[in-house]
C-alpha atoms as a PDB file:
ATOM      1  CA  MET A   1     112.958 127.298  62.984  1.00  0.00           C
ATOM      2  CA  PRO A   2     116.767 129.665  61.923  1.00  0.00           C
ATOM      3  CA  ALA A   3     119.544 127.736  62.821  1.00  0.00           C
ATOM      4  CA  THR A   4     121.097 130.001  64.958  1.00  0.00           C
ATOM      5  CA  LEU A   5     118.300 128.494  68.087  1.00  0.00           C
ATOM      6  CA  ARG A   6     119.604 126.423  70.613  1.00  0.00           C
ATOM      7  CA  ARG A   7     116.938 126.080  72.101  1.00  0.00           C
ATOM      8  CA  THR A   8     113.640 126.778  73.326  1.00  0.00           C
ATOM      9  CA  LEU A   9     110.524 126.900  75.385  1.00  0.00           C
ATOM     10  CA  VAL A  10     107.777 124.590  74.293  1.00  0.00           C
ATOM     11  CA  LYS A  11     104.623 125.673  76.380  1.00  0.00           C
ATOM     12  CA  ALA A  12     103.031 121.834  77.081  1.00  0.00           C
ATOM     13  CA  MET A  13      98.796 121.897  75.589  1.00  0.00           C
ATOM     14  CA  THR A  14      96.434 123.208  78.328  1.00  0.00           C
ATOM     15  CA  ASP A  15      94.591 119.735  77.966  1.00  0.00           C
ATOM     16  CA  GLY A  16      97.074 117.906  79.697  1.00  0.00           C
ATOM     17  CA  ALA A  17      99.193 116.431  76.825  1.00  0.00           C
ATOM     18  CA  ASP A  18     101.832 115.072  78.160  1.00  0.00           C
ATOM     19  CA  LEU A  19     104.821 116.427  77.938  1.00  0.00           C
ATOM     20  CA  LEU A  20     106.988 113.300  76.126  1.00  0.00           C
ATOM     21  CA  SER A  21     104.183 112.758  73.465  1.00  0.00           C
ATOM     22  CA  LEU A  22     105.392 116.657  72.434  1.00  0.00           C
ATOM     23  CA  ALA A  23     108.669 115.746  71.345  1.00  0.00           C
ATOM     24  CA  PRO A  24     107.545 113.562  68.256  1.00  0.00           C
ATOM     25  CA  ARG A  25     105.611 116.191  66.990  1.00  0.00           C
ATOM     26  CA  LEU A  26     109.475 118.346  66.737  1.00  0.00           C
ATOM     27  CA  SER A  27     111.713 118.897  64.089  1.00  0.00           C
ATOM     28  CA  CYS A  28     114.323 115.753  63.567  1.00  0.00           C
ATOM     29  CA  GLY A  29     117.291 116.351  66.202  1.00  0.00           C
ATOM     30  CA  TYR A  30     115.169 118.304  68.963  1.00  0.00           C
ATOM     31  CA  ARG A  31     115.130 116.296  72.148  1.00  0.00           C
ATOM     32  CA  TRP A  32     113.196 116.285  75.092  1.00  0.00           C
ATOM     33  CA  TRP A  33     115.282 116.694  78.527  1.00  0.00           C
ATOM     34  CA  GLY A  34     112.754 117.149  81.135  1.00  0.00           C
ATOM     35  CA  PRO A  35     110.316 119.625  83.274  1.00  0.00           C
ATOM     36  CA  CYS A  36     111.908 123.197  83.005  1.00  0.00           C
ATOM     37  CA  ARG A  37     112.596 124.181  86.712  1.00  0.00           C
ATOM     38  CA  GLY A  38     110.187 127.433  88.206  1.00  0.00           C
ATOM     39  CA  ARG A  39     108.426 127.462  84.685  1.00  0.00           C
ATOM     40  CA  PRO A  40     104.940 125.072  85.979  1.00  0.00           C
ATOM     41  CA  GLY A  41     103.853 123.298  81.911  1.00  0.00           C
ATOM     42  CA  PHE A  42     106.744 124.119  80.376  1.00  0.00           C
ATOM     43  CA  ALA A  43     109.652 121.064  79.038  1.00  0.00           C
ATOM     44  CA  MET A  44     113.135 122.343  77.784  1.00  0.00           C
ATOM     45  CA  ILE A  45     113.968 120.718  74.499  1.00  0.00           C
ATOM     46  CA  ALA A  46     117.730 120.667  73.639  1.00  0.00           C
ATOM     47  CA  ILE A  47     118.758 121.787  70.161  1.00  0.00           C
ATOM     48  CA  PRO A  48     121.636 120.695  68.890  1.00  0.00           C
ATOM     49  CA  ASP A  49     124.371 122.881  67.846  1.00  0.00           C
ATOM     50  CA  PRO A  50     125.513 122.565  63.943  1.00  0.00           C
ATOM     51  CA  LYS A  51     128.781 121.630  63.767  1.00  0.00           C
ATOM     52  CA  THR A  52     130.690 125.438  63.977  1.00  0.00           C
ATOM     53  CA  PRO A  53     133.564 124.424  65.575  1.00  0.00           C
ATOM     54  CA  MET A  54     133.938 126.378  68.966  1.00  0.00           C
ATOM     55  CA  GLN A  55     136.718 127.476  71.511  1.00  0.00           C
ATOM     56  CA  ALA A  56     137.190 128.690  75.297  1.00  0.00           C
ATOM     57  CA  SER A  57     140.360 130.303  76.121  1.00  0.00           C
ATOM     58  CA  TRP A  58     141.714 131.670  79.044  1.00  0.00           C
ATOM     59  CA  ASN A  59     145.488 134.451  79.599  1.00  0.00           C
ATOM     60  CA  GLY A  60     145.328 134.049  75.895  1.00  0.00           C
ATOM     61  CA  GLN A  61     145.350 130.020  75.292  1.00  0.00           C
ATOM     62  CA  VAL A  62     143.088 128.188  73.305  1.00  0.00           C
ATOM     63  CA  ILE A  63     141.917 125.955  75.641  1.00  0.00           C
ATOM     64  CA  ALA A  64     139.360 123.734  73.749  1.00  0.00           C
ATOM     65  CA  GLU A  65     138.079 123.344  71.130  1.00  0.00           C
ATOM     66  CA  SER A  66     135.749 120.947  69.362  1.00  0.00           C
ATOM     67  CA  GLY A  67     133.151 121.244  66.937  1.00  0.00           C
ATOM     68  CA  ASP A  68     130.601 118.710  68.741  1.00  0.00           C
ATOM     69  CA  ILE A  69     129.388 121.310  71.013  1.00  0.00           C
ATOM     70  CA  VAL A  70     125.788 120.674  73.836  1.00  0.00           C
ATOM     71  CA  LYS A  71     124.426 123.950  74.443  1.00  0.00           C
ATOM     72  CA  VAL A  72     122.567 124.376  78.192  1.00  0.00           C
ATOM     73  CA  GLU A  73     121.075 126.801  79.828  1.00  0.00           C
ATOM     74  CA  GLY A  74     123.804 129.126  78.143  1.00  0.00           C
ATOM     75  CA  ASN A  75     126.624 127.535  78.607  1.00  0.00           C
ATOM     76  CA  ALA A  76     128.884 125.338  75.928  1.00  0.00           C
ATOM     77  CA  TYR A  77     129.711 121.763  77.324  1.00  0.00           C
ATOM     78  CA  PHE A  78     132.999 120.722  75.592  1.00  0.00           C
ATOM     79  CA  PRO A  79     133.421 116.444  75.012  1.00  0.00           C
ATOM     80  CA  PRO A  80     135.790 115.660  77.092  1.00  0.00           C
ATOM     81  CA  GLU A  81     138.953 114.825  74.535  1.00  0.00           C
ATOM     82  CA  ALA A  82     138.649 118.778  73.124  1.00  0.00           C
ATOM     83  CA  LEU A  83     140.201 119.759  76.133  1.00  0.00           C
ATOM     84  CA  SER A  84     143.975 120.713  76.155  1.00  0.00           C
ATOM     85  CA  GLY A  85     145.552 118.068  78.428  1.00  0.00           C
ATOM     86  CA  ASP A  86     148.253 120.098  79.584  1.00  0.00           C
ATOM     87  CA  CYS A  87     145.488 123.034  81.374  1.00  0.00           C
ATOM     88  CA  PHE A  88     143.596 121.495  83.595  1.00  0.00           C
ATOM     89  CA  ARG A  89     144.411 119.279  87.247  1.00  0.00           C
ATOM     90  CA  PRO A  90     141.316 117.660  88.486  1.00  0.00           C
ATOM     91  CA  SER A  91     139.771 119.798  91.853  1.00  0.00           C
ATOM     92  CA  SER A  92     138.492 118.957  94.589  1.00  0.00           C
ATOM     93  CA  HIS A  93     135.539 121.891  94.824  1.00  0.00           C
ATOM     94  CA  ARG A  94     132.205 120.255  94.032  1.00  0.00           C
ATOM     95  CA  SER A  95     128.535 122.326  93.851  1.00  0.00           C
ATOM     96  CA  VAL A  96     125.054 120.752  93.216  1.00  0.00           C
ATOM     97  CA  CYS A  97     122.501 121.893  90.188  1.00  0.00           C
ATOM     98  CA  GLY A  98     118.900 120.337  91.511  1.00  0.00           C
ATOM     99  CA  TRP A  99     118.639 118.720  87.854  1.00  0.00           C
ATOM    100  CA  LYS A 100     121.829 118.191  86.612  1.00  0.00           C
ATOM    101  CA  GLY A 101     123.521 116.566  90.178  1.00  0.00           C
ATOM    102  CA  GLU A 102     126.979 116.988  91.191  1.00  0.00           C
ATOM    103  CA  ALA A 103     129.471 119.222  89.548  1.00  0.00           C
ATOM    104  CA  HIS A 104     132.863 118.168  89.749  1.00  0.00           C
ATOM    105  CA  TYR A 105     136.119 120.912  88.419  1.00  0.00           C
ATOM    106  CA  TYR A 106     138.684 121.746  86.714  1.00  0.00           C
ATOM    107  CA  ASP A 107     141.533 124.548  87.249  1.00  0.00           C
ATOM    108  CA  VAL A 108     142.332 126.214  84.727  1.00  0.00           C
ATOM    109  CA  VAL A 109     146.651 126.191  84.563  1.00  0.00           C
ATOM    110  CA  VAL A 110     147.959 128.036  81.810  1.00  0.00           C
ATOM    111  CA  ASP A 111     152.016 129.419  82.058  1.00  0.00           C
ATOM    112  CA  GLY A 112     151.587 129.214  85.618  1.00  0.00           C
ATOM    113  CA  GLN A 113     149.020 131.142  86.281  1.00  0.00           C
ATOM    114  CA  VAL A 114     145.775 129.332  87.955  1.00  0.00           C
ATOM    115  CA  ASN A 115     141.649 129.871  87.153  1.00  0.00           C
ATOM    116  CA  ALA A 116     141.047 127.718  90.419  1.00  0.00           C
ATOM    117  CA  ASN A 117     137.644 125.629  89.717  1.00  0.00           C
ATOM    118  CA  ALA A 118     137.033 127.355  86.279  1.00  0.00           C
ATOM    119  CA  ALA A 119     135.521 124.355  84.553  1.00  0.00           C
ATOM    120  CA  TRP A 120     132.886 122.038  85.427  1.00  0.00           C
ATOM    121  CA  PHE A 121     131.464 118.065  84.301  1.00  0.00           C
ATOM    122  CA  TYR A 122     128.439 116.094  85.948  1.00  0.00           C
ATOM    123  CA  PRO A 123     130.046 112.626  85.755  1.00  0.00           C
ATOM    124  CA  ASP A 124     127.274 111.043  86.569  1.00  0.00           C
ATOM    125  CA  PRO A 125     124.404 112.993  85.630  1.00  0.00           C
ATOM    126  CA  LYS A 126     120.842 112.941  87.025  1.00  0.00           C
ATOM    127  CA  ALA A 127     118.263 111.481  83.653  1.00  0.00           C
ATOM    128  CA  ALA A 128     117.479 114.401  82.282  1.00  0.00           C
ATOM    129  CA  ALA A 129     121.040 115.673  82.271  1.00  0.00           C
ATOM    130  CA  GLU A 130     122.492 112.653  80.172  1.00  0.00           C
ATOM    131  CA  GLU A 131     123.742 114.442  77.491  1.00  0.00           C
ATOM    132  CA  ILE A 132     126.354 116.481  78.551  1.00  0.00           C
ATOM    133  CA  ARG A 133     128.151 113.238  80.942  1.00  0.00           C
ATOM    134  CA  GLY A 134     131.274 113.865  81.507  1.00  0.00           C
ATOM    135  CA  ARG A 135     131.142 117.214  79.099  1.00  0.00           C
ATOM    136  CA  VAL A 136     132.968 120.447  80.449  1.00  0.00           C
ATOM    137  CA  ALA A 137     131.579 123.644  80.836  1.00  0.00           C
ATOM    138  CA  PHE A 138     133.292 127.327  81.735  1.00  0.00           C
ATOM    139  CA  TRP A 139     133.300 130.398  83.578  1.00  0.00           C
ATOM    140  CA  LYS A 140     134.962 132.710  85.609  1.00  0.00           C
ATOM    141  CA  GLY A 141     136.873 134.438  82.677  1.00  0.00           C
ATOM    142  CA  VAL A 142     137.245 131.839  80.378  1.00  0.00           C
ATOM    143  CA  THR A 143     136.107 133.465  77.042  1.00  0.00           C
ATOM    144  CA  VAL A 144     133.763 130.687  74.399  1.00  0.00           C
ATOM    145  CA  SER A 145     133.449 131.658  70.927  1.00  0.00           C
ATOM    146  CA  ASN A 146     133.437 130.728  66.955  1.00  0.00           C
ATOM    147  CA  GLY A 147     136.576 129.236  66.089  1.00  0.00           C
END
């Protein structure tokens, strides 16, 4: 399997095999997360990223950088210690994902400019999303790229 692959969908065998029973057959490093929303008979498998550093930037400034990234649904989740602390302030905004739980947000602040609710995290995720507990992802114009 190519090293660039981050996640894949694995079709359950038609004989009714339990998806958890398939996980041990996968290569070392794969982790079963649970049913794939909207796709009966499929399961989400997270494949750890290689330790290639990634960085998030906004308004010309790097606001997070780490080689310890977890990708879920196309989003790179950074560990909290990767954040440049002076660029984030808590937001009261919340949203809910059916399988991850309640997301909390940060405003991103660079040179006095505010990008409201541009970073989110799950402080108390559901069991299926435990691997992203406390990790931070970005949107709203924040660029995430290989460092």
